[in-house]
């Protein structure tokens, strides 16, 4: 490996360490996974609320149409 390749690898390692904020790669992956799970749960809750609203609106429309 040439000196420039070693320098590039060292630079990439420093950038990775900075991006991880002192966490290990494993910790960063776990946090990302947990955040994604929370996002999925939030979307599922929003879908449920939207469904409830749509059903109420449909019931009101059907009631108005008699």
Protein backbone atom coordinates (compact mmCIF):
# COMPACT_ATOMS: atom_id res chain seq x y z
CA UNK A 1 0.00 0.00 0.00
CA UNK A 2 1.42 3.36 -0.99
CA UNK A 3 1.85 6.28 1.40
CA UNK A 4 -0.97 8.24 -0.26
CA UNK A 5 -3.31 5.24 0.14
CA UNK A 6 -2.39 5.01 3.83
CA UNK A 7 -3.05 8.73 4.25
CA UNK A 8 -6.39 8.37 2.49
CA UNK A 9 -7.35 5.42 4.72
CA UNK A 10 -6.34 7.35 7.85
CA UNK A 11 -8.36 10.35 6.68
CA UNK A 12 -11.39 8.15 5.99
CA UNK A 13 -11.05 6.56 9.44
CA UNK A 14 -10.99 10.00 11.10
CA UNK A 15 -14.05 11.09 9.13
CA UNK A 16 -15.89 7.91 10.12
CA UNK A 17 -15.00 8.37 13.79
CA UNK A 18 -16.22 11.97 13.66
CA UNK A 19 -19.47 10.96 11.97
CA UNK A 20 -20.11 8.27 14.58
CA UNK A 21 -19.63 10.76 17.41
CA UNK A 22 -17.56 8.40 19.53
CA UNK A 23 -19.94 5.48 19.08
CA UNK A 24 -18.92 2.12 17.73
CA UNK A 25 -20.30 1.11 14.35
CA UNK A 26 -22.47 -1.43 16.16
CA UNK A 27 -23.95 1.24 18.45
CA UNK A 28 -24.64 3.53 15.50
CA UNK A 29 -26.41 0.71 13.63
CA UNK A 30 -28.52 -0.13 16.68
CA UNK A 31 -29.56 3.50 17.12
CA UNK A 32 -30.44 3.82 13.45
CA UNK A 33 -32.49 0.63 13.62
CA UNK A 34 -34.35 1.83 16.72
CA UNK A 35 -35.07 5.19 15.09
CA UNK A 36 -36.39 3.43 11.99
CA UNK A 37 -38.61 1.21 14.14
CA UNK A 38 -40.01 4.25 15.93
CA UNK A 39 -40.69 5.90 12.58
CA UNK A 40 -42.54 2.81 11.35
CA UNK A 41 -44.66 2.82 14.51
CA UNK A 42 -45.45 6.53 14.09
CA UNK A 43 -46.49 5.97 10.48
CA UNK A 44 -48.69 3.03 11.49
CA UNK A 45 -50.39 5.18 14.13
CA UNK A 46 -50.94 7.98 11.59
CA UNK A 47 -52.41 5.51 9.11
CA UNK A 48 -54.79 4.25 11.80
CA UNK A 49 -55.92 7.78 12.68
CA UNK A 50 -56.42 8.65 9.01
CA UNK A 51 -58.50 5.50 8.55
CA UNK A 52 -60.69 6.42 11.52
CA UNK A 53 -61.22 9.92 10.13
CA UNK A 54 -62.03 8.58 6.69
CA UNK A 55 -64.58 6.14 8.10
CA UNK A 56 -66.24 8.90 10.14
CA UNK A 57 -66.36 11.15 7.09
CA UNK A 58 -67.82 8.35 4.98
CA UNK A 59 -70.47 7.70 7.62
CA UNK A 60 -71.39 11.38 7.68
CA UNK A 61 -71.61 11.49 3.89
CA UNK A 62 -73.81 8.39 3.81
CA UNK A 63 -75.98 9.86 6.55
CA UNK A 64 -76.35 13.15 4.66
CA UNK A 65 -77.24 11.34 1.44
CA UNK A 66 -79.89 9.50 3.38
